[in-house]
Amino acid sequence: MNADQANTSVNPEPRRFPSEDFLGIPLSSPTLDELLGDIVELSYGGRDRARIVTYINAHCVNMFHTHAEYGAILRQADYIYADGMSVVKAARRLGIDVPERLSAAHFFEEFCRRAAQSKRRLFFVGGKRAIVRECVENMQRAMPELDVAGYSHGYFELGLDEEKELAAEIRSKQPDIVIAGMGAPKQELWASRNQEKLHVPVVWCVGAMFEYLSGRRALAPRWLADAGWEWLFRLALEPGRLWRRYLIGNLVFKLHVRKAIKRKRFESLKRGIH
C-alpha cells in the first residue's frame, strides 16, 4: 500500500474486537503485538465517530463503580485492555485469559514506529504544554518519519470554549489517531463528549504517559511493573498525592474482585444443582 492509499483507504465499520465481562467492564485480552495492530486497524475506520481505545487498572475499576458517566463510557468503549498486574491477576482468577499487562509508556515508541510505517498521522492532547511538546520531540527524534499533525496541552475545563477550539483544530488537521493523555476519567469524558466532533477514526487514552516519555516523571522498571509492584514505586515517589489511591483503593479493588469470585462460585453451584 502506498502513502496515498494508506491515507485514503477507509473501512467505515471496523470489526468489533472480542471482550469478556470483567466486573461489569468489557475487557479485551490482546497480546502487545495484537494491540498495536488493532489500533492501527481501527485508524482506517470512518471519521463520523471516533472509536475509543482505553485501559483499566485497579483505580479505574474503582472509579467505574462510583463515577456514573465514566462507567457508562467504559461499558460502550470500543476497546479496553489491562494496564496493571492487579487487573491481569484478578481477570485470570475470574477465568479471563489476559496474556500480559500492557502499559503504553513501555511500548509507545514501538507503536510510533508502526504508525510511521503505516503512514498514520497523530495528534497529541494532554499534560502541560512543555511536557507534551517534549514527548512529541522525543518521539520525532527517535523516528523523524513520524507524522505528527499537532499537539495541545490538556489543562482545559470540559464544556468551555477552549475545548471547542481544540476540537476545531483537530478537525482541521485531520489526524488518524488522537493520543489523549489527561488521566482517567477526564480523557475518557473528553473523548466521549467529542466523539462525533473530532472527525477522527480513533482516540487512544494513555493516562500520564506524556510525563514519562518527556522524562519529567520516573517510570518504574519493566521487571518491577510486571511483578505487580509499580504502585509501590509510584507511592514512594509521590506519597502525599497517591496514598489514598493505593493504600485504600487497592483494598476496595480487592473487595470488588472477591465479590465477583463469590458470585461466580455461587452461579456455578446453581448450575450444578439444576
C-alpha atoms as a PDB file:
ATOM      1  CA  MET A   1       0.000   0.000   0.000  1.00  0.00           C
ATOM      2  CA  ASN A   2       1.454   3.390  -0.986  1.00  0.00           C
ATOM      3  CA  ALA A   3       1.228   6.572   1.083  1.00  0.00           C
ATOM      4  CA  ASP A   4      -1.815   7.950  -0.755  1.00  0.00           C
ATOM      5  CA  GLN A   5      -3.701   4.692  -0.372  1.00  0.00           C
ATOM      6  CA  ALA A   6      -2.780   4.469   3.300  1.00  0.00           C
ATOM      7  CA  ASN A   7      -4.243   7.904   3.956  1.00  0.00           C
ATOM      8  CA  THR A   8      -7.478   7.435   1.984  1.00  0.00           C
ATOM      9  CA  SER A   9      -8.378   3.748   2.405  1.00  0.00           C
ATOM     10  CA  VAL A  10     -11.368   3.576   4.753  1.00  0.00           C
ATOM     11  CA  ASN A  11     -13.234   0.759   6.403  1.00  0.00           C
ATOM     12  CA  PRO A  12     -16.422   2.516   7.634  1.00  0.00           C
ATOM     13  CA  GLU A  13     -17.148  -0.043  10.347  1.00  0.00           C
ATOM     14  CA  PRO A  14     -14.031  -1.738  11.776  1.00  0.00           C
ATOM     15  CA  ARG A  15     -14.665  -5.153  13.247  1.00  0.00           C
ATOM     16  CA  ARG A  16     -15.810  -5.387  16.838  1.00  0.00           C
ATOM     17  CA  PHE A  17     -12.998  -6.807  18.939  1.00  0.00           C
ATOM     18  CA  PRO A  18     -13.847  -9.681  21.311  1.00  0.00           C
ATOM     19  CA  SER A  19     -14.162  -8.934  25.016  1.00  0.00           C
ATOM     20  CA  GLU A  20     -15.274 -10.607  28.233  1.00  0.00           C
ATOM     21  CA  ASP A  21     -17.092  -9.203  31.232  1.00  0.00           C
ATOM     22  CA  PHE A  22     -14.677  -8.163  33.985  1.00  0.00           C
ATOM     23  CA  LEU A  23     -16.540  -6.675  36.959  1.00  0.00           C
ATOM     24  CA  GLY A  24     -19.020  -5.152  34.505  1.00  0.00           C
ATOM     25  CA  ILE A  25     -16.338  -3.848  32.105  1.00  0.00           C
ATOM     26  CA  PRO A  26     -15.904  -5.324  28.592  1.00  0.00           C
ATOM     27  CA  LEU A  27     -12.219  -6.310  28.757  1.00  0.00           C
ATOM     28  CA  SER A  28     -10.250  -7.442  25.714  1.00  0.00           C
ATOM     29  CA  SER A  29      -7.246  -9.726  26.092  1.00  0.00           C
ATOM     30  CA  PRO A  30      -4.722  -8.868  23.373  1.00  0.00           C
ATOM     31  CA  THR A  31      -1.017  -9.522  23.290  1.00  0.00           C
ATOM     32  CA  LEU A  32       1.143  -6.444  22.748  1.00  0.00           C
ATOM     33  CA  ASP A  33       1.530  -7.270  19.061  1.00  0.00           C
ATOM     34  CA  GLU A  34      -2.243  -7.658  18.669  1.00  0.00           C
ATOM     35  CA  LEU A  35      -2.981  -4.389  20.473  1.00  0.00           C
ATOM     36  CA  LEU A  36      -0.607  -2.397  18.271  1.00  0.00           C
ATOM     37  CA  GLY A  37      -2.069  -3.953  15.143  1.00  0.00           C
ATOM     38  CA  ASP A  38      -5.647  -3.420  16.322  1.00  0.00           C
ATOM     39  CA  ILE A  39      -5.143   0.306  16.997  1.00  0.00           C
ATOM     40  CA  VAL A  40      -3.622   0.786  13.549  1.00  0.00           C
ATOM     41  CA  GLU A  41      -6.521  -1.196  12.024  1.00  0.00           C
ATOM     42  CA  LEU A  42      -9.081   0.992  13.797  1.00  0.00           C
ATOM     43  CA  SER A  43      -7.376   4.092  12.384  1.00  0.00           C
ATOM     44  CA  TYR A  44      -8.592   3.106   8.902  1.00  0.00           C
ATOM     45  CA  GLY A  45     -12.219   3.412  10.037  1.00  0.00           C
ATOM     46  CA  GLY A  46     -14.690   6.159   9.237  1.00  0.00           C
ATOM     47  CA  ARG A  47     -14.427   9.650  10.722  1.00  0.00           C
ATOM     48  CA  ASP A  48     -18.083  10.023  11.687  1.00  0.00           C
ATOM     49  CA  ARG A  49     -17.498   8.686  15.213  1.00  0.00           C
ATOM     50  CA  ALA A  50     -14.161   8.247  16.953  1.00  0.00           C
ATOM     51  CA  ARG A  51     -13.527   4.753  18.304  1.00  0.00           C
ATOM     52  CA  ILE A  52     -12.389   4.947  21.934  1.00  0.00           C
ATOM     53  CA  VAL A  53      -9.457   2.771  22.990  1.00  0.00           C
ATOM     54  CA  THR A  54      -8.544   2.864  26.671  1.00  0.00           C
ATOM     55  CA  TYR A  55      -7.166   0.833  29.579  1.00  0.00           C
ATOM     56  CA  ILE A  56      -8.146  -0.166  33.086  1.00  0.00           C
ATOM     57  CA  ASN A  57      -6.147  -0.587  36.266  1.00  0.00           C
ATOM     58  CA  ALA A  58      -7.361  -1.013  39.854  1.00  0.00           C
ATOM     59  CA  HIS A  59      -8.031   2.713  40.234  1.00  0.00           C
ATOM     60  CA  CYS A  60     -10.075   2.753  37.009  1.00  0.00           C
ATOM     61  CA  VAL A  61     -12.166  -0.192  38.210  1.00  0.00           C
ATOM     62  CA  ASN A  62     -12.922   1.635  41.461  1.00  0.00           C
ATOM     63  CA  MET A  63     -13.968   4.757  39.533  1.00  0.00           C
ATOM     64  CA  PHE A  64     -16.116   2.617  37.231  1.00  0.00           C
ATOM     65  CA  HIS A  65     -18.240   1.733  40.271  1.00  0.00           C
ATOM     66  CA  THR A  66     -18.529   5.302  41.609  1.00  0.00           C
ATOM     67  CA  HIS A  67     -18.442   7.663  38.586  1.00  0.00           C
ATOM     68  CA  ALA A  68     -21.645   7.240  36.568  1.00  0.00           C
ATOM     69  CA  GLU A  69     -20.547   8.931  33.331  1.00  0.00           C
ATOM     70  CA  TYR A  70     -17.141   7.235  33.299  1.00  0.00           C
ATOM     71  CA  GLY A  71     -18.802   3.886  33.963  1.00  0.00           C
ATOM     72  CA  ALA A  72     -21.212   4.381  31.058  1.00  0.00           C
ATOM     73  CA  ILE A  73     -18.318   5.286  28.747  1.00  0.00           C
ATOM     74  CA  LEU A  74     -16.378   2.142  29.657  1.00  0.00           C
ATOM     75  CA  ARG A  75     -19.428  -0.031  29.028  1.00  0.00           C
ATOM     76  CA  GLN A  76     -19.641   1.399  25.495  1.00  0.00           C
ATOM     77  CA  ALA A  77     -15.911   1.772  24.732  1.00  0.00           C
ATOM     78  CA  ASP A  78     -14.677   0.100  21.570  1.00  0.00           C
ATOM     79  CA  TYR A  79     -11.536  -1.445  23.082  1.00  0.00           C
ATOM     80  CA  ILE A  80     -10.348  -1.799  26.692  1.00  0.00           C
ATOM     81  CA  TYR A  81      -7.137  -3.550  27.711  1.00  0.00           C
ATOM     82  CA  ALA A  82      -5.462  -4.325  31.057  1.00  0.00           C
ATOM     83  CA  ASP A  83      -2.862  -1.861  32.349  1.00  0.00           C
ATOM     84  CA  GLY A  84      -1.758  -3.086  35.754  1.00  0.00           C
ATOM     85  CA  MET A  85      -0.918  -6.510  37.107  1.00  0.00           C
ATOM     86  CA  SER A  86      -3.752  -6.280  39.643  1.00  0.00           C
ATOM     87  CA  VAL A  87      -6.263  -6.388  36.787  1.00  0.00           C
ATOM     88  CA  VAL A  88      -4.339  -9.125  34.949  1.00  0.00           C
ATOM     89  CA  LYS A  89      -4.229 -11.367  38.041  1.00  0.00           C
ATOM     90  CA  ALA A  90      -7.847 -10.689  39.011  1.00  0.00           C
ATOM     91  CA  ALA A  91      -9.078 -11.355  35.475  1.00  0.00           C
ATOM     92  CA  ARG A  92      -7.247 -14.673  35.394  1.00  0.00           C
ATOM     93  CA  ARG A  93      -8.845 -15.659  38.718  1.00  0.00           C
ATOM     94  CA  LEU A  94     -12.209 -14.968  37.089  1.00  0.00           C
ATOM     95  CA  GLY A  95     -11.393 -17.168  34.102  1.00  0.00           C
ATOM     96  CA  ILE A  96     -10.367 -14.462  31.622  1.00  0.00           C
ATOM     97  CA  ASP A  97      -7.132 -15.349  29.854  1.00  0.00           C
ATOM     98  CA  VAL A  98      -5.311 -11.995  29.823  1.00  0.00           C
ATOM     99  CA  PRO A  99      -1.876 -12.784  28.362  1.00  0.00           C
ATOM    100  CA  GLU A 100       0.050  -9.778  29.655  1.00  0.00           C
ATOM    101  CA  ARG A 101      -0.007  -6.343  31.231  1.00  0.00           C
ATOM    102  CA  LEU A 102       0.024  -3.523  28.666  1.00  0.00           C
ATOM    103  CA  SER A 103       1.210  -0.089  29.779  1.00  0.00           C
ATOM    104  CA  ALA A 104       1.509   2.441  26.937  1.00  0.00           C
ATOM    105  CA  ALA A 105       4.614   4.149  28.325  1.00  0.00           C
ATOM    106  CA  HIS A 106       6.566   0.900  27.924  1.00  0.00           C
ATOM    107  CA  PHE A 107       5.675   0.297  24.263  1.00  0.00           C
ATOM    108  CA  PHE A 108       4.674   3.653  22.775  1.00  0.00           C
ATOM    109  CA  GLU A 109       7.877   4.029  20.786  1.00  0.00           C
ATOM    110  CA  GLU A 110       7.147   0.729  19.048  1.00  0.00           C
ATOM    111  CA  PHE A 111       3.613   1.944  18.344  1.00  0.00           C
ATOM    112  CA  CYS A 112       5.007   5.130  16.785  1.00  0.00           C
ATOM    113  CA  ARG A 113       7.268   3.024  14.598  1.00  0.00           C
ATOM    114  CA  ARG A 114       4.266   1.088  13.312  1.00  0.00           C
ATOM    115  CA  ALA A 115       2.244   4.275  12.869  1.00  0.00           C
ATOM    116  CA  ALA A 116       5.055   5.760  10.777  1.00  0.00           C
ATOM    117  CA  GLN A 117       5.319   2.606   8.667  1.00  0.00           C
ATOM    118  CA  SER A 118       1.546   2.684   8.072  1.00  0.00           C
ATOM    119  CA  LYS A 119       1.582   6.425   7.256  1.00  0.00           C
ATOM    120  CA  ARG A 120      -0.709   7.182  10.207  1.00  0.00           C
ATOM    121  CA  ARG A 121      -0.997  10.807  11.301  1.00  0.00           C
ATOM    122  CA  LEU A 122      -1.044  11.501  15.074  1.00  0.00           C
ATOM    123  CA  PHE A 123      -2.313  14.348  17.263  1.00  0.00           C
ATOM    124  CA  PHE A 124      -1.310  14.535  20.966  1.00  0.00           C
ATOM    125  CA  VAL A 125      -3.548  16.013  23.702  1.00  0.00           C
ATOM    126  CA  GLY A 126      -2.673  16.141  27.398  1.00  0.00           C
ATOM    127  CA  GLY A 127      -0.338  17.319  30.132  1.00  0.00           C
ATOM    128  CA  LYS A 128       1.263  20.731  30.363  1.00  0.00           C
ATOM    129  CA  ARG A 129       2.269  22.353  27.084  1.00  0.00           C
ATOM    130  CA  ALA A 130       6.010  21.887  27.709  1.00  0.00           C
ATOM    131  CA  ILE A 131       5.528  18.245  28.670  1.00  0.00           C
ATOM    132  CA  VAL A 132       3.502  17.220  25.623  1.00  0.00           C
ATOM    133  CA  ARG A 133       5.921  19.156  23.376  1.00  0.00           C
ATOM    134  CA  GLU A 134       8.929  17.330  24.867  1.00  0.00           C
ATOM    135  CA  CYS A 135       7.186  13.981  24.452  1.00  0.00           C
ATOM    136  CA  VAL A 136       6.477  14.718  20.786  1.00  0.00           C
ATOM    137  CA  GLU A 137      10.040  15.945  20.214  1.00  0.00           C
ATOM    138  CA  ASN A 138      11.478  12.790  21.798  1.00  0.00           C
ATOM    139  CA  MET A 139       9.344  10.576  19.560  1.00  0.00           C
ATOM    140  CA  GLN A 140      10.263  12.544  16.419  1.00  0.00           C
ATOM    141  CA  ARG A 141      13.927  12.483  17.374  1.00  0.00           C
ATOM    142  CA  ALA A 142      13.746   8.688  17.554  1.00  0.00           C
ATOM    143  CA  MET A 143      11.616   8.496  14.363  1.00  0.00           C
ATOM    144  CA  PRO A 144      11.972  11.522  12.066  1.00  0.00           C
ATOM    145  CA  GLU A 145       9.459   9.934   9.693  1.00  0.00           C
ATOM    146  CA  LEU A 146       6.662  10.049  12.325  1.00  0.00           C
ATOM    147  CA  ASP A 147       3.824  12.256  11.053  1.00  0.00           C
ATOM    148  CA  VAL A 148       2.592  14.484  13.904  1.00  0.00           C
ATOM    149  CA  ALA A 149      -0.376  16.642  12.932  1.00  0.00           C
ATOM    150  CA  GLY A 150      -0.111  18.713  16.108  1.00  0.00           C
ATOM    151  CA  TYR A 151      -0.320  18.721  19.883  1.00  0.00           C
ATOM    152  CA  SER A 152      -2.102  20.533  22.693  1.00  0.00           C
ATOM    153  CA  HIS A 153      -1.932  20.736  26.470  1.00  0.00           C
ATOM    154  CA  GLY A 154      -4.693  19.026  28.441  1.00  0.00           C
ATOM    155  CA  TYR A 155      -5.261  21.706  31.065  1.00  0.00           C
ATOM    156  CA  PHE A 156      -8.651  22.928  29.924  1.00  0.00           C
ATOM    157  CA  GLU A 157     -12.062  22.626  31.541  1.00  0.00           C
ATOM    158  CA  LEU A 158     -14.580  20.424  29.803  1.00  0.00           C
ATOM    159  CA  GLY A 159     -17.501  22.289  28.288  1.00  0.00           C
ATOM    160  CA  LEU A 160     -15.782  25.642  27.824  1.00  0.00           C
ATOM    161  CA  ASP A 161     -14.616  27.463  24.672  1.00  0.00           C
ATOM    162  CA  GLU A 162     -11.066  26.092  24.770  1.00  0.00           C
ATOM    163  CA  GLU A 163     -12.401  22.550  24.405  1.00  0.00           C
ATOM    164  CA  LYS A 164     -14.459  23.591  21.359  1.00  0.00           C
ATOM    165  CA  GLU A 165     -11.444  25.355  19.830  1.00  0.00           C
ATOM    166  CA  LEU A 166      -9.330  22.221  20.309  1.00  0.00           C
ATOM    167  CA  ALA A 167     -11.955  20.068  18.573  1.00  0.00           C
ATOM    168  CA  ALA A 168     -11.966  22.519  15.648  1.00  0.00           C
ATOM    169  CA  GLU A 169      -8.157  22.410  15.436  1.00  0.00           C
ATOM    170  CA  ILE A 170      -8.132  18.614  15.409  1.00  0.00           C
ATOM    171  CA  ARG A 171     -10.793  18.546  12.684  1.00  0.00           C
ATOM    172  CA  SER A 172      -8.724  20.905  10.558  1.00  0.00           C
ATOM    173  CA  LYS A 173      -5.532  18.831  10.973  1.00  0.00           C
ATOM    174  CA  GLN A 174      -7.276  15.521  10.118  1.00  0.00           C
ATOM    175  CA  PRO A 175      -5.147  13.097  12.144  1.00  0.00           C
ATOM    176  CA  ASP A 176      -5.857   9.371  12.004  1.00  0.00           C
ATOM    177  CA  ILE A 177      -5.263   8.799  15.731  1.00  0.00           C
ATOM    178  CA  VAL A 178      -5.582  11.197  18.661  1.00  0.00           C
ATOM    179  CA  ILE A 179      -3.410  10.266  21.654  1.00  0.00           C
ATOM    180  CA  ALA A 180      -5.204  11.572  24.767  1.00  0.00           C
ATOM    181  CA  GLY A 181      -3.054  11.730  27.905  1.00  0.00           C
ATOM    182  CA  MET A 182      -5.126  13.562  30.514  1.00  0.00           C
ATOM    183  CA  GLY A 183      -5.600  10.786  33.037  1.00  0.00           C
ATOM    184  CA  ALA A 184      -8.805   8.930  33.848  1.00  0.00           C
ATOM    185  CA  PRO A 185     -11.612   9.874  33.865  1.00  0.00           C
ATOM    186  CA  LYS A 186     -11.025  13.242  32.129  1.00  0.00           C
ATOM    187  CA  GLN A 187      -9.521  11.750  28.965  1.00  0.00           C
ATOM    188  CA  GLU A 188     -12.433   9.323  28.525  1.00  0.00           C
ATOM    189  CA  LEU A 189     -15.024  12.039  29.251  1.00  0.00           C
ATOM    190  CA  TRP A 190     -13.372  14.319  26.687  1.00  0.00           C
ATOM    191  CA  ALA A 191     -13.145  11.546  24.095  1.00  0.00           C
ATOM    192  CA  SER A 192     -16.781  10.556  24.564  1.00  0.00           C
ATOM    193  CA  ARG A 193     -18.196  14.096  24.553  1.00  0.00           C
ATOM    194  CA  ASN A 194     -16.237  14.907  21.382  1.00  0.00           C
ATOM    195  CA  GLN A 195     -16.648  11.548  19.690  1.00  0.00           C
ATOM    196  CA  GLU A 196     -18.560  12.969  16.711  1.00  0.00           C
ATOM    197  CA  LYS A 197     -16.883  16.405  16.704  1.00  0.00           C
ATOM    198  CA  LEU A 198     -13.244  15.455  16.108  1.00  0.00           C
ATOM    199  CA  HIS A 199     -13.726  13.684  12.755  1.00  0.00           C
ATOM    200  CA  VAL A 200     -11.001  11.146  13.577  1.00  0.00           C
ATOM    201  CA  PRO A 201     -11.179   7.340  13.447  1.00  0.00           C
ATOM    202  CA  VAL A 202      -9.573   6.700  16.875  1.00  0.00           C
ATOM    203  CA  VAL A 203      -8.948   8.341  20.235  1.00  0.00           C
ATOM    204  CA  TRP A 204      -6.475   6.327  22.298  1.00  0.00           C
ATOM    205  CA  CYS A 205      -6.398   7.209  26.021  1.00  0.00           C
ATOM    206  CA  VAL A 206      -2.950   6.755  27.595  1.00  0.00           C
ATOM    207  CA  GLY A 207      -3.075   8.341  31.077  1.00  0.00           C
ATOM    208  CA  ALA A 208       0.094  10.024  32.339  1.00  0.00           C
ATOM    209  CA  MET A 209       2.258   8.629  29.538  1.00  0.00           C
ATOM    210  CA  PHE A 210       3.436  12.028  28.284  1.00  0.00           C
ATOM    211  CA  GLU A 211       5.059  12.787  31.635  1.00  0.00           C
ATOM    212  CA  TYR A 212       7.043   9.562  31.479  1.00  0.00           C
ATOM    213  CA  LEU A 213       8.105   9.907  27.846  1.00  0.00           C
ATOM    214  CA  SER A 214       9.078  13.554  28.306  1.00  0.00           C
ATOM    215  CA  GLY A 215      11.445  12.437  31.078  1.00  0.00           C
ATOM    216  CA  ARG A 216       9.671  14.573  33.681  1.00  0.00           C
ATOM    217  CA  ARG A 217       8.489  11.600  35.764  1.00  0.00           C
ATOM    218  CA  ALA A 218      10.364   8.389  36.569  1.00  0.00           C
ATOM    219  CA  LEU A 219       8.942   5.229  35.001  1.00  0.00           C
ATOM    220  CA  ALA A 220       9.016   2.064  37.083  1.00  0.00           C
ATOM    221  CA  PRO A 221      11.445  -0.547  35.718  1.00  0.00           C
ATOM    222  CA  ARG A 222       9.658  -3.041  33.489  1.00  0.00           C
ATOM    223  CA  TRP A 223      10.560  -6.014  35.694  1.00  0.00           C
ATOM    224  CA  LEU A 224       9.125  -4.291  38.765  1.00  0.00           C
ATOM    225  CA  ALA A 225       5.898  -3.341  36.975  1.00  0.00           C
ATOM    226  CA  ASP A 226       5.483  -6.846  35.546  1.00  0.00           C
ATOM    227  CA  ALA A 227       5.905  -8.259  39.051  1.00  0.00           C
ATOM    228  CA  GLY A 228       2.957  -6.140  40.203  1.00  0.00           C
ATOM    229  CA  TRP A 229       4.859  -3.561  42.281  1.00  0.00           C
ATOM    230  CA  GLU A 230       4.610  -0.456  40.110  1.00  0.00           C
ATOM    231  CA  TRP A 231       2.091   1.019  42.575  1.00  0.00           C
ATOM    232  CA  LEU A 232       4.664   0.824  45.389  1.00  0.00           C
ATOM    233  CA  PHE A 233       7.285   2.516  43.200  1.00  0.00           C
ATOM    234  CA  ARG A 234       4.875   5.371  42.413  1.00  0.00           C
ATOM    235  CA  LEU A 235       3.727   5.625  46.017  1.00  0.00           C
ATOM    236  CA  ALA A 236       7.338   6.028  47.178  1.00  0.00           C
ATOM    237  CA  LEU A 237       7.795   8.911  44.712  1.00  0.00           C
ATOM    238  CA  GLU A 238       4.511  10.712  45.476  1.00  0.00           C
ATOM    239  CA  PRO A 239       3.164   9.559  48.854  1.00  0.00           C
ATOM    240  CA  GLY A 240       1.167  12.725  49.537  1.00  0.00           C
ATOM    241  CA  ARG A 241      -0.771  12.510  46.288  1.00  0.00           C
ATOM    242  CA  LEU A 242      -1.135   8.747  45.912  1.00  0.00           C
ATOM    243  CA  TRP A 243      -1.505   7.218  49.385  1.00  0.00           C
ATOM    244  CA  ARG A 244      -5.303   7.165  49.242  1.00  0.00           C
ATOM    245  CA  ARG A 245      -5.413   5.734  45.706  1.00  0.00           C
ATOM    246  CA  TYR A 246      -3.125   2.841  46.582  1.00  0.00           C
ATOM    247  CA  LEU A 247      -3.445   2.101  50.297  1.00  0.00           C
ATOM    248  CA  ILE A 248      -7.229   2.437  50.357  1.00  0.00           C
ATOM    249  CA  GLY A 249      -8.013   1.962  46.664  1.00  0.00           C
ATOM    250  CA  ASN A 250      -6.203  -1.366  46.421  1.00  0.00           C
ATOM    251  CA  LEU A 251      -8.321  -2.741  49.272  1.00  0.00           C
ATOM    252  CA  VAL A 252     -11.514  -1.532  47.612  1.00  0.00           C
ATOM    253  CA  PHE A 253     -10.455  -3.194  44.354  1.00  0.00           C
ATOM    254  CA  LYS A 254      -9.798  -6.474  46.163  1.00  0.00           C
ATOM    255  CA  LEU A 255     -13.309  -6.332  47.635  1.00  0.00           C
ATOM    256  CA  HIS A 256     -14.804  -5.930  44.146  1.00  0.00           C
ATOM    257  CA  VAL A 257     -12.811  -8.941  42.941  1.00  0.00           C
ATOM    258  CA  ARG A 258     -13.688 -11.051  45.978  1.00  0.00           C
ATOM    259  CA  LYS A 259     -17.407 -10.365  45.488  1.00  0.00           C
ATOM    260  CA  ALA A 260     -17.150 -11.314  41.822  1.00  0.00           C
ATOM    261  CA  ILE A 261     -15.356 -14.589  42.659  1.00  0.00           C
ATOM    262  CA  LYS A 262     -18.012 -15.491  45.245  1.00  0.00           C
ATOM    263  CA  ARG A 263     -20.768 -14.662  42.753  1.00  0.00           C
ATOM    264  CA  LYS A 264     -19.154 -16.835  40.110  1.00  0.00           C
ATOM    265  CA  ARG A 265     -18.817 -19.772  42.531  1.00  0.00           C
ATOM    266  CA  PHE A 266     -22.455 -19.400  43.585  1.00  0.00           C
ATOM    267  CA  GLU A 267     -23.621 -19.377  39.962  1.00  0.00           C
ATOM    268  CA  SER A 268     -21.533 -22.486  39.258  1.00  0.00           C
ATOM    269  CA  LEU A 269     -23.148 -24.248  42.217  1.00  0.00           C
ATOM    270  CA  LYS A 270     -26.617 -23.265  40.999  1.00  0.00           C
ATOM    271  CA  ARG A 271     -25.878 -24.625  37.536  1.00  0.00           C
ATOM    272  CA  GLY A 272     -24.615 -27.843  39.103  1.00  0.00           C
ATOM    273  CA  ILE A 273     -27.797 -28.253  41.126  1.00  0.00           C
ATOM    274  CA  HIS A 274     -30.049 -27.686  38.117  1.00  0.00           C
END
